[in-house]
Amino acid sequence: MKELVVWLIHFPTGTVAILAAIVAFYYSKGSTKHKKAGQIFIISMLIMLISGGVAGALKGSVGDVFLAALLFYTVFTAWLTVRHRQPMIGIIEYLALAYIIIFGLVAISINPQSDKVEEPALFMFYAIMSVIFAVGDIRNILLKGMKQTHRLARHIWRISFALVWAALAFGDKIIKMLDSTIEQLPSVVVIPTIIVLCIMVYWLLKIYKGKAILLP
């Protein structure tokens, strides 16, 4: 069952998401083509993450379930940041904040000695990231929505955070298809990750220099 979920839903939607992200990163932020590619990316990523969480649960991997839950939040809030033309705070923003706080508390409470916990250190990472994201959400709520430049930067870095993990997962699946290991083919996961980070830095610099088209 797990393999069916991975190969019929998780992997295909992840591939679509990565391709859509490439298109979205290429076009100016706020343009019609960027928005259309972004919509495809968001939908594909959310489906991919839900299926990834289900596959992780079927496999009995607590780490996979937590990662899917965290990335679902980052993709959703990245979309939430730019869903309106003007900064706006509503009940969804408060629910998103509650979600990431609960996520962090659960991550801290996980027993690292449990047989289902493969990488205990990852849960500390999840907890730290939940604090960082929660601080950003609180700041956004207190300011009643950030200025366009900051909104766009928040949108891009949260999308990029999810994309890095998507690229790692995509590379891992390719390696498995080739019946190899990460140690034998490190470039398959390293190169896509570096590309995503470079693109993220490029657009963040462009945004803060005022050279990117902002949200209409």
N, C-alpha and C. Protein backbone atom coordinates (compact mmCIF):
# COMPACT_ATOMS: atom_id res chain seq x y z
N MET A 1 0.83 -1.21 0.00
CA MET A 1 0.00 0.00 0.00
C MET A 1 0.87 1.26 0.00
N LYS A 2 1.89 1.25 0.84
CA LYS A 2 2.78 2.41 0.92
C LYS A 2 3.43 2.70 -0.43
N GLU A 3 3.89 1.65 -1.11
CA GLU A 3 4.55 1.84 -2.40
C GLU A 3 3.59 2.42 -3.43
N LEU A 4 2.33 2.01 -3.38
CA LEU A 4 1.33 2.54 -4.30
C LEU A 4 1.14 4.05 -4.08
N VAL A 5 1.06 4.43 -2.81
CA VAL A 5 0.89 5.85 -2.48
C VAL A 5 2.09 6.66 -2.96
N VAL A 6 3.28 6.11 -2.76
CA VAL A 6 4.51 6.82 -3.14
C VAL A 6 4.63 6.97 -4.65
N TRP A 7 4.48 5.86 -5.37
CA TRP A 7 4.75 5.87 -6.81
C TRP A 7 3.57 6.37 -7.65
N LEU A 8 2.35 6.27 -7.13
CA LEU A 8 1.19 6.71 -7.91
C LEU A 8 0.75 8.14 -7.58
N ILE A 9 1.07 8.60 -6.38
CA ILE A 9 0.64 9.94 -5.98
C ILE A 9 1.82 10.83 -5.58
N HIS A 10 2.59 10.38 -4.61
CA HIS A 10 3.65 11.21 -4.04
C HIS A 10 4.71 11.63 -5.07
N PHE A 11 5.27 10.66 -5.75
CA PHE A 11 6.35 10.95 -6.70
C PHE A 11 5.85 11.77 -7.91
N PRO A 12 4.73 11.41 -8.55
CA PRO A 12 4.24 12.20 -9.69
C PRO A 12 3.90 13.64 -9.34
N THR A 13 3.20 13.84 -8.22
CA THR A 13 2.83 15.20 -7.84
C THR A 13 4.06 16.01 -7.43
N GLY A 14 5.04 15.33 -6.84
CA GLY A 14 6.29 16.01 -6.50
C GLY A 14 7.03 16.47 -7.74
N THR A 15 7.01 15.65 -8.77
CA THR A 15 7.65 16.01 -10.04
C THR A 15 6.97 17.22 -10.66
N VAL A 16 5.63 17.20 -10.66
CA VAL A 16 4.88 18.34 -11.19
C VAL A 16 5.19 19.61 -10.40
N ALA A 17 5.28 19.48 -9.08
CA ALA A 17 5.55 20.63 -8.22
C ALA A 17 6.91 21.24 -8.53
N ILE A 18 7.92 20.40 -8.72
CA ILE A 18 9.26 20.90 -9.01
C ILE A 18 9.29 21.61 -10.36
N LEU A 19 8.64 21.04 -11.36
CA LEU A 19 8.59 21.66 -12.68
C LEU A 19 7.85 23.00 -12.63
N ALA A 20 6.74 23.02 -11.88
CA ALA A 20 5.96 24.26 -11.73
C ALA A 20 6.78 25.32 -10.99
N ALA A 21 7.56 24.88 -10.02
CA ALA A 21 8.40 25.82 -9.25
C ALA A 21 9.45 26.46 -10.15
N ILE A 22 10.02 25.66 -11.06
CA ILE A 22 11.02 26.19 -11.98
C ILE A 22 10.42 27.30 -12.84
N VAL A 23 9.21 27.05 -13.33
CA VAL A 23 8.51 28.05 -14.15
C VAL A 23 8.19 29.29 -13.31
N ALA A 24 7.69 29.06 -12.09
CA ALA A 24 7.31 30.18 -11.22
C ALA A 24 8.52 31.03 -10.84
N PHE A 25 9.66 30.40 -10.58
CA PHE A 25 10.87 31.15 -10.23
C PHE A 25 11.37 31.97 -11.42
N TYR A 26 11.13 31.48 -12.63
CA TYR A 26 11.65 32.15 -13.83
C TYR A 26 10.93 33.46 -14.09
N TYR A 27 9.60 33.47 -13.96
CA TYR A 27 8.82 34.67 -14.27
C TYR A 27 8.79 35.64 -13.10
N SER A 28 8.62 36.90 -13.43
CA SER A 28 8.60 37.96 -12.41
C SER A 28 7.47 37.73 -11.43
N LYS A 29 7.75 37.99 -10.17
CA LYS A 29 6.76 37.78 -9.13
C LYS A 29 5.57 38.73 -9.32
N GLY A 30 4.38 38.17 -9.32
CA GLY A 30 3.18 38.96 -9.52
C GLY A 30 2.66 38.90 -10.94
N SER A 31 3.45 38.35 -11.86
CA SER A 31 3.00 38.24 -13.25
C SER A 31 1.96 37.13 -13.37
N THR A 32 1.17 37.16 -14.44
CA THR A 32 0.12 36.17 -14.65
C THR A 32 0.70 34.76 -14.77
N LYS A 33 1.79 34.60 -15.51
CA LYS A 33 2.40 33.29 -15.70
C LYS A 33 2.97 32.75 -14.38
N HIS A 34 3.52 33.65 -13.57
CA HIS A 34 4.03 33.23 -12.27
C HIS A 34 2.88 32.73 -11.40
N LYS A 35 1.76 33.45 -11.41
CA LYS A 35 0.62 33.06 -10.58
C LYS A 35 0.07 31.71 -10.99
N LYS A 36 -0.05 31.47 -12.30
CA LYS A 36 -0.59 30.20 -12.78
C LYS A 36 0.33 29.04 -12.40
N ALA A 37 1.63 29.25 -12.60
CA ALA A 37 2.60 28.21 -12.22
C ALA A 37 2.59 28.01 -10.71
N GLY A 38 2.43 29.11 -9.98
CA GLY A 38 2.39 29.03 -8.52
C GLY A 38 1.19 28.25 -8.02
N GLN A 39 0.05 28.42 -8.67
CA GLN A 39 -1.15 27.69 -8.27
C GLN A 39 -0.95 26.18 -8.47
N ILE A 40 -0.36 25.82 -9.62
CA ILE A 40 -0.08 24.41 -9.90
C ILE A 40 0.89 23.87 -8.86
N PHE A 41 1.90 24.66 -8.53
CA PHE A 41 2.89 24.25 -7.54
C PHE A 41 2.25 24.00 -6.18
N ILE A 42 1.44 24.95 -5.72
CA ILE A 42 0.83 24.83 -4.40
C ILE A 42 -0.05 23.59 -4.31
N ILE A 43 -0.91 23.39 -5.30
CA ILE A 43 -1.81 22.23 -5.29
C ILE A 43 -1.02 20.94 -5.33
N SER A 44 -0.02 20.88 -6.22
CA SER A 44 0.79 19.66 -6.35
C SER A 44 1.56 19.37 -5.07
N MET A 45 2.14 20.41 -4.48
CA MET A 45 2.92 20.22 -3.26
C MET A 45 2.05 19.74 -2.10
N LEU A 46 0.87 20.34 -1.96
CA LEU A 46 0.00 19.95 -0.85
C LEU A 46 -0.45 18.49 -0.99
N ILE A 47 -0.76 18.08 -2.23
CA ILE A 47 -1.13 16.68 -2.46
C ILE A 47 0.06 15.77 -2.18
N MET A 48 1.24 16.20 -2.65
CA MET A 48 2.45 15.42 -2.43
C MET A 48 2.73 15.24 -0.94
N LEU A 49 2.55 16.32 -0.18
CA LEU A 49 2.85 16.26 1.25
C LEU A 49 1.84 15.42 2.02
N ILE A 50 0.58 15.53 1.65
CA ILE A 50 -0.43 14.70 2.30
C ILE A 50 -0.15 13.23 2.03
N SER A 51 0.14 12.91 0.75
CA SER A 51 0.44 11.52 0.40
C SER A 51 1.74 11.06 1.07
N GLY A 52 2.71 11.97 1.21
CA GLY A 52 3.95 11.64 1.89
C GLY A 52 3.72 11.33 3.36
N GLY A 53 2.83 12.11 3.99
CA GLY A 53 2.49 11.85 5.39
C GLY A 53 1.79 10.52 5.56
N VAL A 54 0.89 10.21 4.62
CA VAL A 54 0.18 8.93 4.66
C VAL A 54 1.17 7.77 4.48
N ALA A 55 2.08 7.92 3.50
CA ALA A 55 3.08 6.88 3.25
C ALA A 55 3.97 6.69 4.47
N GLY A 56 4.33 7.81 5.13
CA GLY A 56 5.16 7.74 6.33
C GLY A 56 4.44 7.01 7.46
N ALA A 57 3.14 7.28 7.59
CA ALA A 57 2.35 6.62 8.63
C ALA A 57 2.24 5.12 8.35
N LEU A 58 2.03 4.77 7.07
CA LEU A 58 1.94 3.35 6.70
C LEU A 58 3.26 2.63 6.94
N LYS A 59 4.36 3.37 6.77
CA LYS A 59 5.69 2.79 6.99
C LYS A 59 6.06 2.76 8.46
N GLY A 60 5.32 3.52 9.26
CA GLY A 60 5.64 3.60 10.68
C GLY A 60 6.77 4.55 10.97
N SER A 61 7.00 5.52 10.06
CA SER A 61 8.09 6.49 10.23
C SER A 61 7.54 7.80 10.78
N VAL A 62 7.79 8.04 12.05
CA VAL A 62 7.34 9.27 12.69
C VAL A 62 8.01 10.49 12.05
N GLY A 63 9.28 10.34 11.69
CA GLY A 63 10.03 11.44 11.08
C GLY A 63 9.41 11.90 9.78
N ASP A 64 9.00 10.96 8.93
CA ASP A 64 8.38 11.31 7.65
C ASP A 64 7.06 12.04 7.85
N VAL A 65 6.29 11.59 8.82
CA VAL A 65 5.01 12.24 9.11
C VAL A 65 5.23 13.67 9.58
N PHE A 66 6.21 13.87 10.46
CA PHE A 66 6.51 15.21 10.97
C PHE A 66 7.01 16.13 9.86
N LEU A 67 7.87 15.60 9.01
CA LEU A 67 8.40 16.42 7.92
C LEU A 67 7.28 16.84 6.98
N ALA A 68 6.40 15.92 6.65
CA ALA A 68 5.27 16.25 5.78
C ALA A 68 4.38 17.32 6.42
N ALA A 69 4.16 17.19 7.74
CA ALA A 69 3.33 18.16 8.46
C ALA A 69 3.96 19.54 8.47
N LEU A 70 5.28 19.60 8.65
CA LEU A 70 5.99 20.88 8.68
C LEU A 70 5.97 21.54 7.31
N LEU A 71 6.26 20.76 6.27
CA LEU A 71 6.30 21.32 4.92
C LEU A 71 4.91 21.72 4.44
N PHE A 72 3.90 20.99 4.86
CA PHE A 72 2.52 21.38 4.53
C PHE A 72 2.25 22.78 5.06
N TYR A 73 2.69 23.02 6.30
CA TYR A 73 2.52 24.34 6.92
C TYR A 73 3.27 25.42 6.14
N THR A 74 4.53 25.15 5.76
CA THR A 74 5.32 26.18 5.07
C THR A 74 4.73 26.52 3.71
N VAL A 75 4.30 25.50 2.98
CA VAL A 75 3.71 25.75 1.66
C VAL A 75 2.38 26.51 1.81
N PHE A 76 1.57 26.08 2.75
CA PHE A 76 0.27 26.71 2.96
C PHE A 76 0.43 28.17 3.37
N THR A 77 1.33 28.44 4.31
CA THR A 77 1.51 29.83 4.77
C THR A 77 2.21 30.70 3.73
N ALA A 78 3.01 30.07 2.87
CA ALA A 78 3.62 30.82 1.77
C ALA A 78 2.51 31.32 0.83
N TRP A 79 1.55 30.45 0.57
CA TRP A 79 0.39 30.86 -0.25
C TRP A 79 -0.45 31.87 0.51
N LEU A 80 -0.64 31.65 1.80
CA LEU A 80 -1.46 32.51 2.63
C LEU A 80 -0.94 33.95 2.63
N THR A 81 0.38 34.09 2.56
CA THR A 81 1.01 35.40 2.60
C THR A 81 0.62 36.27 1.42
N VAL A 82 0.39 35.65 0.27
CA VAL A 82 0.15 36.44 -0.95
C VAL A 82 -1.25 36.21 -1.52
N ARG A 83 -2.15 35.64 -0.74
CA ARG A 83 -3.46 35.31 -1.31
C ARG A 83 -4.31 36.54 -1.57
N HIS A 84 -4.04 37.65 -0.87
CA HIS A 84 -4.77 38.89 -1.09
C HIS A 84 -3.84 39.95 -1.69
N ARG A 85 -4.43 40.87 -2.41
CA ARG A 85 -3.61 41.94 -3.00
C ARG A 85 -3.06 42.88 -1.94
N GLN A 86 -3.81 43.03 -0.86
CA GLN A 86 -3.36 43.89 0.23
C GLN A 86 -3.13 43.04 1.47
N PRO A 87 -2.20 43.46 2.35
CA PRO A 87 -1.96 42.72 3.59
C PRO A 87 -3.26 42.55 4.37
N MET A 88 -3.50 41.35 4.85
CA MET A 88 -4.75 41.08 5.56
C MET A 88 -4.54 39.96 6.56
N ILE A 89 -5.10 40.12 7.74
CA ILE A 89 -4.99 39.11 8.78
C ILE A 89 -6.40 38.63 9.14
N GLY A 90 -6.57 37.32 9.11
CA GLY A 90 -7.87 36.75 9.45
C GLY A 90 -7.71 35.52 10.33
N ILE A 91 -8.78 34.79 10.48
CA ILE A 91 -8.78 33.62 11.36
C ILE A 91 -7.79 32.55 10.88
N ILE A 92 -7.58 32.47 9.55
CA ILE A 92 -6.67 31.44 9.03
C ILE A 92 -5.25 31.68 9.51
N GLU A 93 -4.84 32.94 9.59
CA GLU A 93 -3.49 33.25 10.08
C GLU A 93 -3.32 32.82 11.53
N TYR A 94 -4.35 33.02 12.33
CA TYR A 94 -4.29 32.59 13.74
C TYR A 94 -4.27 31.07 13.85
N LEU A 95 -5.02 30.41 13.00
CA LEU A 95 -5.03 28.95 13.00
C LEU A 95 -3.67 28.40 12.57
N ALA A 96 -3.05 29.06 11.60
CA ALA A 96 -1.72 28.64 11.15
C ALA A 96 -0.70 28.78 12.28
N LEU A 97 -0.80 29.87 13.04
CA LEU A 97 0.09 30.08 14.18
C LEU A 97 -0.13 29.00 15.23
N ALA A 98 -1.39 28.69 15.52
CA ALA A 98 -1.70 27.65 16.49
C ALA A 98 -1.16 26.30 16.03
N TYR A 99 -1.28 26.04 14.74
CA TYR A 99 -0.81 24.78 14.15
C TYR A 99 0.69 24.60 14.38
N ILE A 100 1.48 25.64 14.08
CA ILE A 100 2.94 25.49 14.17
C ILE A 100 3.39 25.45 15.64
N ILE A 101 2.67 26.12 16.53
CA ILE A 101 3.00 26.05 17.95
C ILE A 101 2.75 24.64 18.47
N ILE A 102 1.60 24.07 18.13
CA ILE A 102 1.28 22.70 18.54
C ILE A 102 2.29 21.73 17.94
N PHE A 103 2.64 21.95 16.68
CA PHE A 103 3.62 21.10 16.01
C PHE A 103 4.94 21.09 16.79
N GLY A 104 5.40 22.28 17.18
CA GLY A 104 6.65 22.39 17.91
C GLY A 104 6.59 21.71 19.26
N LEU A 105 5.47 21.88 19.96
CA LEU A 105 5.32 21.25 21.28
C LEU A 105 5.31 19.72 21.17
N VAL A 106 4.65 19.21 20.14
CA VAL A 106 4.62 17.76 19.93
C VAL A 106 6.01 17.25 19.57
N ALA A 107 6.73 18.03 18.74
CA ALA A 107 8.09 17.62 18.35
C ALA A 107 9.00 17.51 19.57
N ILE A 108 8.86 18.44 20.51
CA ILE A 108 9.67 18.42 21.72
C ILE A 108 9.30 17.23 22.60
N SER A 109 8.03 16.86 22.58
CA SER A 109 7.56 15.79 23.47
C SER A 109 7.87 14.38 22.96
N ILE A 110 8.34 14.29 21.73
CA ILE A 110 8.63 12.97 21.16
C ILE A 110 9.76 12.28 21.94
N ASN A 111 9.55 11.04 22.26
CA ASN A 111 10.57 10.25 22.97
C ASN A 111 11.66 9.82 22.00
N PRO A 112 12.88 10.35 22.14
CA PRO A 112 13.97 10.01 21.21
C PRO A 112 14.39 8.54 21.28
N GLN A 113 13.99 7.86 22.34
CA GLN A 113 14.36 6.45 22.50
C GLN A 113 13.38 5.50 21.83
N SER A 114 12.30 6.05 21.29
CA SER A 114 11.28 5.22 20.66
C SER A 114 11.84 4.50 19.43
N ASP A 115 11.39 3.28 19.21
CA ASP A 115 11.84 2.49 18.06
C ASP A 115 11.39 3.12 16.73
N LYS A 116 10.32 3.89 16.78
CA LYS A 116 9.79 4.50 15.56
C LYS A 116 10.51 5.80 15.19
N VAL A 117 11.38 6.28 16.08
CA VAL A 117 12.14 7.51 15.83
C VAL A 117 13.50 7.14 15.26
N GLU A 118 13.67 7.37 13.96
CA GLU A 118 14.91 6.97 13.29
C GLU A 118 16.04 7.97 13.53
N GLU A 119 15.73 9.25 13.47
CA GLU A 119 16.74 10.31 13.65
C GLU A 119 16.28 11.28 14.74
N PRO A 120 16.61 11.02 16.00
CA PRO A 120 16.15 11.87 17.11
C PRO A 120 16.53 13.34 16.94
N ALA A 121 17.70 13.61 16.36
CA ALA A 121 18.16 14.99 16.21
C ALA A 121 17.24 15.80 15.31
N LEU A 122 16.56 15.13 14.40
CA LEU A 122 15.66 15.83 13.49
C LEU A 122 14.52 16.51 14.23
N PHE A 123 14.09 15.93 15.34
CA PHE A 123 12.96 16.51 16.06
C PHE A 123 13.35 17.80 16.77
N MET A 124 14.62 17.92 17.14
CA MET A 124 15.09 19.19 17.67
C MET A 124 15.11 20.23 16.56
N PHE A 125 15.50 19.80 15.36
CA PHE A 125 15.46 20.69 14.19
C PHE A 125 14.03 21.15 13.93
N TYR A 126 13.08 20.21 13.97
CA TYR A 126 11.68 20.57 13.75
C TYR A 126 11.21 21.57 14.79
N ALA A 127 11.61 21.36 16.04
CA ALA A 127 11.20 22.26 17.12
C ALA A 127 11.78 23.66 16.91
N ILE A 128 13.05 23.72 16.52
CA ILE A 128 13.70 25.02 16.29
C ILE A 128 13.03 25.75 15.13
N MET A 129 12.74 25.03 14.04
CA MET A 129 12.10 25.64 12.88
C MET A 129 10.69 26.11 13.24
N SER A 130 10.00 25.37 14.09
CA SER A 130 8.66 25.79 14.49
C SER A 130 8.70 27.11 15.25
N VAL A 131 9.74 27.31 16.06
CA VAL A 131 9.90 28.57 16.78
C VAL A 131 10.15 29.71 15.79
N ILE A 132 11.03 29.48 14.82
CA ILE A 132 11.34 30.50 13.81
C ILE A 132 10.09 30.88 13.03
N PHE A 133 9.34 29.87 12.60
CA PHE A 133 8.12 30.14 11.84
C PHE A 133 7.07 30.83 12.70
N ALA A 134 6.95 30.41 13.95
CA ALA A 134 5.96 31.02 14.85
C ALA A 134 6.27 32.50 15.09
N VAL A 135 7.55 32.82 15.26
CA VAL A 135 7.95 34.22 15.45
C VAL A 135 7.56 35.05 14.22
N GLY A 136 7.77 34.48 13.04
CA GLY A 136 7.38 35.18 11.81
C GLY A 136 5.88 35.39 11.74
N ASP A 137 5.12 34.38 12.15
CA ASP A 137 3.66 34.51 12.13
C ASP A 137 3.17 35.55 13.13
N ILE A 138 3.78 35.54 14.32
CA ILE A 138 3.39 36.51 15.35
C ILE A 138 3.69 37.93 14.88
N ARG A 139 4.86 38.10 14.27
CA ARG A 139 5.23 39.42 13.75
C ARG A 139 4.24 39.87 12.68
N ASN A 140 3.86 38.95 11.81
CA ASN A 140 2.91 39.27 10.75
C ASN A 140 1.56 39.68 11.33
N ILE A 141 1.11 38.98 12.37
CA ILE A 141 -0.18 39.29 13.00
C ILE A 141 -0.13 40.62 13.73
N LEU A 142 0.96 40.87 14.46
CA LEU A 142 1.07 42.12 15.22
C LEU A 142 1.13 43.34 14.29
N LEU A 143 1.78 43.16 13.14
CA LEU A 143 1.87 44.26 12.18
C LEU A 143 0.64 44.36 11.30
N LYS A 144 -0.30 43.41 11.52
CA LYS A 144 -1.53 43.35 10.71
C LYS A 144 -1.22 43.22 9.22
N GLY A 145 -0.22 42.42 8.93
CA GLY A 145 0.18 42.20 7.54
C GLY A 145 1.41 43.02 7.21
N MET A 146 2.38 42.40 6.58
CA MET A 146 3.63 43.08 6.28
C MET A 146 3.56 43.86 4.96
N LYS A 147 4.55 44.71 4.75
CA LYS A 147 4.64 45.45 3.50
C LYS A 147 4.90 44.46 2.36
N GLN A 148 4.66 44.91 1.14
CA GLN A 148 4.75 44.02 -0.01
C GLN A 148 6.12 43.37 -0.17
N THR A 149 7.18 44.13 0.05
CA THR A 149 8.52 43.57 -0.09
C THR A 149 8.74 42.43 0.89
N HIS A 150 8.37 42.64 2.14
CA HIS A 150 8.53 41.61 3.16
C HIS A 150 7.60 40.43 2.92
N ARG A 151 6.40 40.70 2.44
CA ARG A 151 5.46 39.62 2.12
C ARG A 151 6.03 38.71 1.05
N LEU A 152 6.59 39.32 0.02
CA LEU A 152 7.13 38.54 -1.08
C LEU A 152 8.36 37.75 -0.64
N ALA A 153 9.19 38.36 0.19
CA ALA A 153 10.37 37.66 0.71
C ALA A 153 9.95 36.48 1.58
N ARG A 154 8.94 36.69 2.42
CA ARG A 154 8.42 35.62 3.27
C ARG A 154 7.87 34.48 2.40
N HIS A 155 7.15 34.85 1.37
CA HIS A 155 6.59 33.88 0.44
C HIS A 155 7.69 33.04 -0.20
N ILE A 156 8.73 33.69 -0.68
CA ILE A 156 9.79 32.99 -1.39
C ILE A 156 10.60 32.09 -0.47
N TRP A 157 10.95 32.56 0.72
CA TRP A 157 11.82 31.72 1.56
C TRP A 157 11.06 30.53 2.13
N ARG A 158 9.78 30.69 2.37
CA ARG A 158 9.00 29.54 2.87
C ARG A 158 8.79 28.51 1.75
N ILE A 159 8.54 29.00 0.55
CA ILE A 159 8.43 28.09 -0.59
C ILE A 159 9.76 27.37 -0.81
N SER A 160 10.85 28.11 -0.74
CA SER A 160 12.18 27.53 -0.98
C SER A 160 12.54 26.49 0.08
N PHE A 161 12.14 26.76 1.31
CA PHE A 161 12.39 25.79 2.39
C PHE A 161 11.75 24.45 2.04
N ALA A 162 10.50 24.51 1.59
CA ALA A 162 9.80 23.28 1.21
C ALA A 162 10.43 22.66 -0.03
N LEU A 163 10.86 23.51 -0.96
CA LEU A 163 11.45 23.02 -2.21
C LEU A 163 12.76 22.27 -1.99
N VAL A 164 13.54 22.73 -1.04
CA VAL A 164 14.80 22.05 -0.74
C VAL A 164 14.53 20.60 -0.34
N TRP A 165 13.56 20.42 0.53
CA TRP A 165 13.22 19.07 0.97
C TRP A 165 12.59 18.26 -0.16
N ALA A 166 11.81 18.94 -1.01
CA ALA A 166 11.22 18.25 -2.15
C ALA A 166 12.31 17.77 -3.11
N ALA A 167 13.32 18.63 -3.31
CA ALA A 167 14.43 18.26 -4.18
C ALA A 167 15.21 17.08 -3.60
N LEU A 168 15.40 17.09 -2.29
CA LEU A 168 16.09 15.97 -1.63
C LEU A 168 15.30 14.68 -1.80
N ALA A 169 13.98 14.76 -1.60
CA ALA A 169 13.14 13.57 -1.74
C ALA A 169 13.11 13.09 -3.18
N PHE A 170 13.05 14.03 -4.12
CA PHE A 170 13.04 13.68 -5.54
C PHE A 170 14.34 12.97 -5.92
N GLY A 171 15.46 13.53 -5.45
CA GLY A 171 16.76 12.92 -5.73
C GLY A 171 16.87 11.53 -5.12
N ASP A 172 16.33 11.38 -3.92
CA ASP A 172 16.36 10.08 -3.25
C ASP A 172 15.59 9.03 -4.04
N LYS A 173 14.44 9.43 -4.60
CA LYS A 173 13.65 8.48 -5.40
C LYS A 173 14.37 8.11 -6.69
N ILE A 174 15.04 9.08 -7.30
CA ILE A 174 15.80 8.81 -8.52
C ILE A 174 16.91 7.80 -8.23
N ILE A 175 17.60 8.01 -7.12
CA ILE A 175 18.69 7.11 -6.73
C ILE A 175 18.16 5.69 -6.52
N LYS A 176 17.00 5.58 -5.88
CA LYS A 176 16.41 4.25 -5.65
C LYS A 176 16.01 3.60 -6.97
N MET A 177 15.52 4.41 -7.91
CA MET A 177 15.14 3.88 -9.21
C MET A 177 16.37 3.34 -9.95
N LEU A 178 17.51 3.95 -9.69
CA LEU A 178 18.77 3.52 -10.31
C LEU A 178 19.43 2.40 -9.52
N ASP A 179 18.76 1.98 -8.45
CA ASP A 179 19.28 0.92 -7.58
C ASP A 179 20.68 1.26 -7.06
N SER A 180 20.80 2.52 -6.59
CA SER A 180 22.08 2.99 -6.08
C SER A 180 21.89 3.57 -4.69
N THR A 181 22.90 4.29 -4.19
CA THR A 181 22.83 4.93 -2.88
C THR A 181 23.28 6.38 -2.98
N ILE A 182 22.94 7.16 -1.95
CA ILE A 182 23.34 8.57 -1.94
C ILE A 182 24.86 8.70 -1.92
N GLU A 183 25.52 7.78 -1.22
CA GLU A 183 26.99 7.81 -1.17
C GLU A 183 27.61 7.63 -2.56
N GLN A 184 26.94 6.85 -3.40
CA GLN A 184 27.46 6.60 -4.74
C GLN A 184 27.10 7.72 -5.72
N LEU A 185 25.94 8.35 -5.49
CA LEU A 185 25.49 9.42 -6.40
C LEU A 185 25.09 10.67 -5.60
N PRO A 186 26.01 11.27 -4.88
CA PRO A 186 25.66 12.43 -4.05
C PRO A 186 25.18 13.64 -4.85
N SER A 187 25.68 13.77 -6.07
CA SER A 187 25.33 14.92 -6.90
C SER A 187 23.84 14.98 -7.23
N VAL A 188 23.18 13.82 -7.23
CA VAL A 188 21.75 13.77 -7.56
C VAL A 188 20.92 14.53 -6.53
N VAL A 189 21.37 14.59 -5.28
CA VAL A 189 20.64 15.34 -4.26
C VAL A 189 21.30 16.69 -3.96
N VAL A 190 22.62 16.76 -4.10
CA VAL A 190 23.34 17.99 -3.77
C VAL A 190 23.08 19.09 -4.80
N ILE A 191 23.17 18.76 -6.07
CA ILE A 191 23.03 19.77 -7.12
C ILE A 191 21.65 20.44 -7.12
N PRO A 192 20.54 19.67 -7.09
CA PRO A 192 19.22 20.32 -7.05
C PRO A 192 19.04 21.21 -5.82
N THR A 193 19.57 20.77 -4.68
CA THR A 193 19.46 21.56 -3.45
C THR A 193 20.20 22.89 -3.58
N ILE A 194 21.40 22.84 -4.11
CA ILE A 194 22.19 24.06 -4.31
C ILE A 194 21.50 25.00 -5.29
N ILE A 195 20.91 24.44 -6.33
CA ILE A 195 20.21 25.26 -7.33
C ILE A 195 19.05 26.00 -6.68
N VAL A 196 18.26 25.29 -5.88
CA VAL A 196 17.12 25.91 -5.20
C VAL A 196 17.58 27.05 -4.29
N LEU A 197 18.64 26.80 -3.52
CA LEU A 197 19.16 27.82 -2.60
C LEU A 197 19.69 29.03 -3.35
N CYS A 198 20.37 28.80 -4.46
CA CYS A 198 20.91 29.91 -5.27
C CYS A 198 19.78 30.75 -5.86
N ILE A 199 18.75 30.08 -6.35
CA ILE A 199 17.61 30.81 -6.91
C ILE A 199 16.91 31.62 -5.82
N MET A 200 16.78 31.04 -4.64
CA MET A 200 16.16 31.74 -3.53
C MET A 200 16.94 33.01 -3.18
N VAL A 201 18.25 32.88 -3.05
CA VAL A 201 19.09 34.03 -2.73
C VAL A 201 19.00 35.09 -3.84
N TYR A 202 19.00 34.65 -5.08
CA TYR A 202 18.91 35.57 -6.23
C TYR A 202 17.64 36.42 -6.14
N TRP A 203 16.49 35.77 -5.91
CA TRP A 203 15.24 36.51 -5.87
C TRP A 203 15.11 37.37 -4.62
N LEU A 204 15.64 36.89 -3.51
CA LEU A 204 15.59 37.71 -2.29
C LEU A 204 16.40 39.00 -2.47
N LEU A 205 17.57 38.87 -3.06
CA LEU A 205 18.39 40.05 -3.33
C LEU A 205 17.68 40.99 -4.30
N LYS A 206 17.06 40.41 -5.31
CA LYS A 206 16.36 41.21 -6.31
C LYS A 206 15.18 41.95 -5.69
N ILE A 207 14.49 41.28 -4.79
CA ILE A 207 13.34 41.88 -4.12
C ILE A 207 13.76 43.06 -3.25
N TYR A 208 14.78 42.85 -2.42
CA TYR A 208 15.20 43.90 -1.50
C TYR A 208 15.93 45.04 -2.19
N LYS A 209 16.37 44.81 -3.42
CA LYS A 209 16.95 45.90 -4.22
C LYS A 209 15.88 46.62 -5.03
N GLY A 210 14.65 46.14 -4.90
CA GLY A 210 13.54 46.79 -5.58
C GLY A 210 13.50 46.51 -7.06
N LYS A 211 14.10 45.40 -7.51
CA LYS A 211 14.16 45.09 -8.93
C LYS A 211 13.19 43.97 -9.35
N ALA A 212 12.38 43.53 -8.41
CA ALA A 212 11.41 42.49 -8.73
C ALA A 212 10.01 43.10 -8.76
N ILE A 213 9.16 42.59 -9.62
CA ILE A 213 7.79 43.03 -9.67
C ILE A 213 7.07 42.53 -8.44
N LEU A 214 6.47 43.44 -7.70
CA LEU A 214 5.81 43.04 -6.46
C LEU A 214 4.36 42.68 -6.72
N LEU A 215 3.69 42.28 -5.67
CA LEU A 215 2.31 41.86 -5.78
C LEU A 215 1.44 43.03 -6.23
N PRO A 216 0.54 42.79 -7.19
CA PRO A 216 -0.30 43.88 -7.68
C PRO A 216 -1.34 44.28 -6.64
